[in-house]
Amino acid sequence: MAFTSDKTMFEVYREATYSSQYRVVYFTELQDHNKETEINRAMSGEHFLDGFLKDRGKDEAKEIIESLLARMNAGETMRPEEFLAALGNHLA
């Protein structure tokens, strides 16, 4: 089991704005200057899923997430379970 410091908390949400794009926020990577804005943006959107990424291999996991978001924003339908399955061993 990974310790809190060994993982990154994230949420995928759909914007509540006219664009309705899917976005991701990595909560544990937020800095003081953008923390409030990013959290408020995610909270005002429609929750899709959340979870934790292992810090080892996190860059690869982020690439997978960006790819999945691009597919979803292009109109592909995906269930949260499918999204998480694509992340596989990257989940903590």
N, C-alpha and C. Protein backbone atom coordinates (compact mmCIF):
# COMPACT_ATOMS: atom_id res chain seq x y z
N MET A 1 0.84 -1.18 0.00
CA MET A 1 0.00 0.00 0.00
C MET A 1 0.89 1.25 0.00
N ALA A 2 0.53 2.23 -0.82
CA ALA A 2 1.31 3.46 -0.92
C ALA A 2 0.95 4.42 0.20
N PHE A 3 1.94 5.15 0.67
CA PHE A 3 1.69 6.18 1.66
C PHE A 3 1.14 7.41 0.96
N THR A 4 0.50 8.31 1.73
CA THR A 4 -0.08 9.52 1.16
C THR A 4 0.94 10.29 0.34
N SER A 5 2.17 10.35 0.79
CA SER A 5 3.20 11.10 0.09
C SER A 5 3.67 10.39 -1.18
N ASP A 6 3.26 9.16 -1.41
CA ASP A 6 3.68 8.39 -2.56
C ASP A 6 2.62 8.35 -3.66
N LYS A 7 1.61 9.20 -3.54
CA LYS A 7 0.55 9.18 -4.54
C LYS A 7 0.03 10.58 -4.79
N THR A 8 -0.65 10.73 -5.92
CA THR A 8 -1.19 12.01 -6.34
C THR A 8 -2.70 11.88 -6.49
N MET A 9 -3.43 12.72 -5.81
CA MET A 9 -4.89 12.71 -5.87
C MET A 9 -5.35 13.50 -7.10
N PHE A 10 -6.30 12.92 -7.86
CA PHE A 10 -6.79 13.60 -9.05
C PHE A 10 -8.30 13.46 -9.15
N GLU A 11 -8.88 14.34 -9.95
CA GLU A 11 -10.32 14.26 -10.28
C GLU A 11 -10.49 14.60 -11.75
N VAL A 12 -11.34 13.84 -12.41
CA VAL A 12 -11.76 14.14 -13.77
C VAL A 12 -13.19 14.65 -13.67
N TYR A 13 -13.44 15.77 -14.32
CA TYR A 13 -14.75 16.39 -14.26
C TYR A 13 -15.10 16.99 -15.62
N ARG A 14 -16.36 17.30 -15.81
CA ARG A 14 -16.82 17.95 -17.02
C ARG A 14 -17.16 19.38 -16.66
N GLU A 15 -16.61 20.32 -17.40
CA GLU A 15 -16.84 21.73 -17.13
C GLU A 15 -18.32 22.07 -17.20
N ALA A 16 -18.72 23.00 -16.37
CA ALA A 16 -20.11 23.45 -16.35
C ALA A 16 -20.32 24.60 -17.34
N THR A 17 -19.29 25.00 -18.05
CA THR A 17 -19.39 26.11 -19.00
C THR A 17 -19.98 25.62 -20.33
N TYR A 18 -20.10 26.53 -21.26
CA TYR A 18 -20.67 26.19 -22.57
C TYR A 18 -19.87 25.14 -23.32
N SER A 19 -18.57 25.03 -23.06
CA SER A 19 -17.74 24.07 -23.80
C SER A 19 -17.95 22.64 -23.33
N SER A 20 -18.31 22.45 -22.07
CA SER A 20 -18.55 21.12 -21.48
C SER A 20 -17.40 20.15 -21.73
N GLN A 21 -16.17 20.65 -21.70
CA GLN A 21 -15.00 19.81 -21.90
C GLN A 21 -14.67 19.04 -20.63
N TYR A 22 -14.14 17.84 -20.83
CA TYR A 22 -13.63 17.07 -19.70
C TYR A 22 -12.25 17.59 -19.34
N ARG A 23 -11.99 17.70 -18.06
CA ARG A 23 -10.72 18.22 -17.55
C ARG A 23 -10.25 17.34 -16.39
N VAL A 24 -8.99 17.49 -16.04
CA VAL A 24 -8.43 16.80 -14.88
C VAL A 24 -7.75 17.84 -14.00
N VAL A 25 -7.82 17.62 -12.72
CA VAL A 25 -7.08 18.43 -11.76
C VAL A 25 -6.33 17.47 -10.85
N TYR A 26 -5.06 17.77 -10.64
CA TYR A 26 -4.21 16.98 -9.75
C TYR A 26 -4.10 17.78 -8.44
N PHE A 27 -4.95 17.46 -7.49
CA PHE A 27 -5.07 18.25 -6.27
C PHE A 27 -3.77 18.36 -5.49
N THR A 28 -3.04 17.29 -5.38
CA THR A 28 -1.84 17.30 -4.56
C THR A 28 -0.68 18.03 -5.24
N GLU A 29 -0.86 18.49 -6.47
CA GLU A 29 0.19 19.24 -7.16
C GLU A 29 -0.13 20.74 -7.24
N LEU A 30 -1.27 21.14 -6.70
CA LEU A 30 -1.66 22.54 -6.76
C LEU A 30 -0.76 23.39 -5.86
N GLN A 31 -0.51 24.59 -6.32
CA GLN A 31 0.28 25.55 -5.56
C GLN A 31 -0.66 26.59 -4.95
N ASP A 32 -0.16 27.37 -4.03
CA ASP A 32 -0.99 28.38 -3.37
C ASP A 32 -1.63 29.35 -4.37
N HIS A 33 -0.92 29.69 -5.44
CA HIS A 33 -1.43 30.69 -6.38
C HIS A 33 -2.58 30.17 -7.25
N ASN A 34 -2.72 28.87 -7.42
CA ASN A 34 -3.80 28.35 -8.28
C ASN A 34 -4.74 27.38 -7.57
N LYS A 35 -4.49 27.12 -6.31
CA LYS A 35 -5.26 26.12 -5.58
C LYS A 35 -6.75 26.45 -5.54
N GLU A 36 -7.10 27.63 -5.10
CA GLU A 36 -8.50 28.00 -4.95
C GLU A 36 -9.23 28.01 -6.29
N THR A 37 -8.61 28.56 -7.32
CA THR A 37 -9.23 28.64 -8.64
C THR A 37 -9.50 27.25 -9.21
N GLU A 38 -8.52 26.38 -9.15
CA GLU A 38 -8.66 25.03 -9.71
C GLU A 38 -9.68 24.20 -8.94
N ILE A 39 -9.67 24.32 -7.63
CA ILE A 39 -10.64 23.56 -6.82
C ILE A 39 -12.05 24.06 -7.10
N ASN A 40 -12.23 25.38 -7.17
CA ASN A 40 -13.55 25.93 -7.47
C ASN A 40 -14.04 25.51 -8.85
N ARG A 41 -13.14 25.48 -9.83
CA ARG A 41 -13.50 25.06 -11.18
C ARG A 41 -13.97 23.60 -11.17
N ALA A 42 -13.25 22.76 -10.49
CA ALA A 42 -13.63 21.34 -10.41
C ALA A 42 -14.95 21.16 -9.66
N MET A 43 -15.12 21.90 -8.57
CA MET A 43 -16.34 21.78 -7.77
C MET A 43 -17.58 22.25 -8.53
N SER A 44 -17.42 23.21 -9.43
CA SER A 44 -18.57 23.71 -10.19
C SER A 44 -18.89 22.82 -11.39
N GLY A 45 -17.98 21.91 -11.73
CA GLY A 45 -18.21 21.00 -12.84
C GLY A 45 -18.95 19.74 -12.41
N GLU A 46 -19.18 18.88 -13.38
CA GLU A 46 -19.85 17.60 -13.15
C GLU A 46 -18.80 16.53 -12.89
N HIS A 47 -18.82 15.97 -11.70
CA HIS A 47 -17.84 14.95 -11.31
C HIS A 47 -17.96 13.73 -12.23
N PHE A 48 -16.81 13.25 -12.71
CA PHE A 48 -16.78 12.03 -13.51
C PHE A 48 -16.14 10.90 -12.72
N LEU A 49 -14.95 11.14 -12.16
CA LEU A 49 -14.29 10.15 -11.32
C LEU A 49 -13.14 10.80 -10.58
N ASP A 50 -12.66 10.13 -9.57
CA ASP A 50 -11.47 10.59 -8.87
C ASP A 50 -10.68 9.38 -8.40
N GLY A 51 -9.47 9.64 -7.99
CA GLY A 51 -8.64 8.55 -7.53
C GLY A 51 -7.25 9.03 -7.19
N PHE A 52 -6.35 8.09 -7.06
CA PHE A 52 -4.95 8.37 -6.73
C PHE A 52 -4.05 7.67 -7.72
N LEU A 53 -3.01 8.38 -8.16
CA LEU A 53 -1.98 7.80 -9.01
C LEU A 53 -0.74 7.52 -8.18
N LYS A 54 -0.09 6.42 -8.47
CA LYS A 54 1.21 6.16 -7.85
C LYS A 54 2.18 7.20 -8.39
N ASP A 55 3.03 7.73 -7.53
CA ASP A 55 4.00 8.72 -8.00
C ASP A 55 5.02 8.09 -8.96
N ARG A 56 5.33 6.83 -8.75
CA ARG A 56 6.22 6.14 -9.68
C ARG A 56 5.43 5.87 -10.96
N GLY A 57 5.90 6.42 -12.07
CA GLY A 57 5.21 6.26 -13.34
C GLY A 57 4.10 7.28 -13.55
N LYS A 58 4.08 8.32 -12.73
CA LYS A 58 3.01 9.32 -12.80
C LYS A 58 2.98 10.04 -14.15
N ASP A 59 4.13 10.31 -14.74
CA ASP A 59 4.16 11.00 -16.03
C ASP A 59 3.48 10.18 -17.12
N GLU A 60 3.72 8.88 -17.11
CA GLU A 60 3.06 8.00 -18.07
C GLU A 60 1.55 7.97 -17.81
N ALA A 61 1.15 7.95 -16.56
CA ALA A 61 -0.27 7.96 -16.20
C ALA A 61 -0.93 9.25 -16.69
N LYS A 62 -0.25 10.36 -16.55
CA LYS A 62 -0.79 11.65 -17.00
C LYS A 62 -0.97 11.65 -18.52
N GLU A 63 -0.06 11.03 -19.24
CA GLU A 63 -0.20 10.92 -20.69
C GLU A 63 -1.43 10.09 -21.05
N ILE A 64 -1.65 9.02 -20.33
CA ILE A 64 -2.83 8.18 -20.55
C ILE A 64 -4.10 9.00 -20.29
N ILE A 65 -4.10 9.74 -19.19
CA ILE A 65 -5.27 10.56 -18.85
C ILE A 65 -5.53 11.59 -19.95
N GLU A 66 -4.50 12.26 -20.41
CA GLU A 66 -4.67 13.27 -21.46
C GLU A 66 -5.23 12.64 -22.74
N SER A 67 -4.77 11.44 -23.06
CA SER A 67 -5.26 10.73 -24.23
C SER A 67 -6.74 10.38 -24.08
N LEU A 68 -7.10 9.89 -22.89
CA LEU A 68 -8.50 9.54 -22.63
C LEU A 68 -9.40 10.77 -22.68
N LEU A 69 -8.92 11.87 -22.10
CA LEU A 69 -9.70 13.11 -22.13
C LEU A 69 -9.90 13.61 -23.56
N ALA A 70 -8.86 13.51 -24.38
CA ALA A 70 -8.97 13.92 -25.77
C ALA A 70 -10.04 13.10 -26.49
N ARG A 71 -10.05 11.80 -26.25
CA ARG A 71 -11.06 10.94 -26.87
C ARG A 71 -12.46 11.32 -26.40
N MET A 72 -12.61 11.55 -25.10
CA MET A 72 -13.92 11.92 -24.56
C MET A 72 -14.37 13.28 -25.08
N ASN A 73 -13.45 14.22 -25.18
CA ASN A 73 -13.79 15.55 -25.68
C ASN A 73 -14.09 15.55 -27.17
N ALA A 74 -13.65 14.49 -27.85
CA ALA A 74 -13.97 14.33 -29.27
C ALA A 74 -15.31 13.63 -29.46
N GLY A 75 -15.96 13.24 -28.36
CA GLY A 75 -17.29 12.66 -28.45
C GLY A 75 -17.40 11.19 -28.08
N GLU A 76 -16.27 10.55 -27.79
CA GLU A 76 -16.32 9.14 -27.42
C GLU A 76 -16.94 8.98 -26.03
N THR A 77 -17.84 8.04 -25.91
CA THR A 77 -18.47 7.75 -24.62
C THR A 77 -17.60 6.77 -23.85
N MET A 78 -17.40 7.09 -22.58
CA MET A 78 -16.58 6.22 -21.75
C MET A 78 -17.18 6.20 -20.34
N ARG A 79 -17.24 5.02 -19.77
CA ARG A 79 -17.69 4.88 -18.39
C ARG A 79 -16.49 5.07 -17.45
N PRO A 80 -16.74 5.53 -16.23
CA PRO A 80 -15.63 5.69 -15.28
C PRO A 80 -14.81 4.41 -15.10
N GLU A 81 -15.47 3.26 -15.11
CA GLU A 81 -14.77 1.99 -14.94
C GLU A 81 -13.78 1.75 -16.08
N GLU A 82 -14.16 2.12 -17.29
CA GLU A 82 -13.27 1.96 -18.45
C GLU A 82 -12.07 2.89 -18.34
N PHE A 83 -12.33 4.11 -17.89
CA PHE A 83 -11.26 5.09 -17.69
C PHE A 83 -10.25 4.56 -16.69
N LEU A 84 -10.73 4.09 -15.56
CA LEU A 84 -9.84 3.57 -14.51
C LEU A 84 -9.10 2.33 -14.98
N ALA A 85 -9.78 1.48 -15.75
CA ALA A 85 -9.13 0.27 -16.27
C ALA A 85 -7.96 0.62 -17.18
N ALA A 86 -8.10 1.70 -17.94
CA ALA A 86 -7.02 2.13 -18.84
C ALA A 86 -5.79 2.59 -18.05
N LEU A 87 -6.01 3.05 -16.84
CA LEU A 87 -4.88 3.48 -15.99
C LEU A 87 -4.20 2.30 -15.32
N GLY A 88 -4.90 1.21 -15.20
CA GLY A 88 -4.33 -0.05 -14.70
C GLY A 88 -3.45 0.09 -13.47
N ASN A 89 -2.20 -0.34 -13.59
CA ASN A 89 -1.26 -0.38 -12.48
C ASN A 89 -0.79 0.99 -12.02
N HIS A 90 -1.19 2.04 -12.72
CA HIS A 90 -0.80 3.40 -12.31
C HIS A 90 -1.65 3.89 -11.13
N LEU A 91 -2.74 3.21 -10.85
CA LEU A 91 -3.60 3.62 -9.74
C LEU A 91 -3.02 3.15 -8.42
N ALA A 92 -3.12 4.02 -7.42
CA ALA A 92 -2.63 3.66 -6.08
C ALA A 92 -3.74 3.03 -5.28
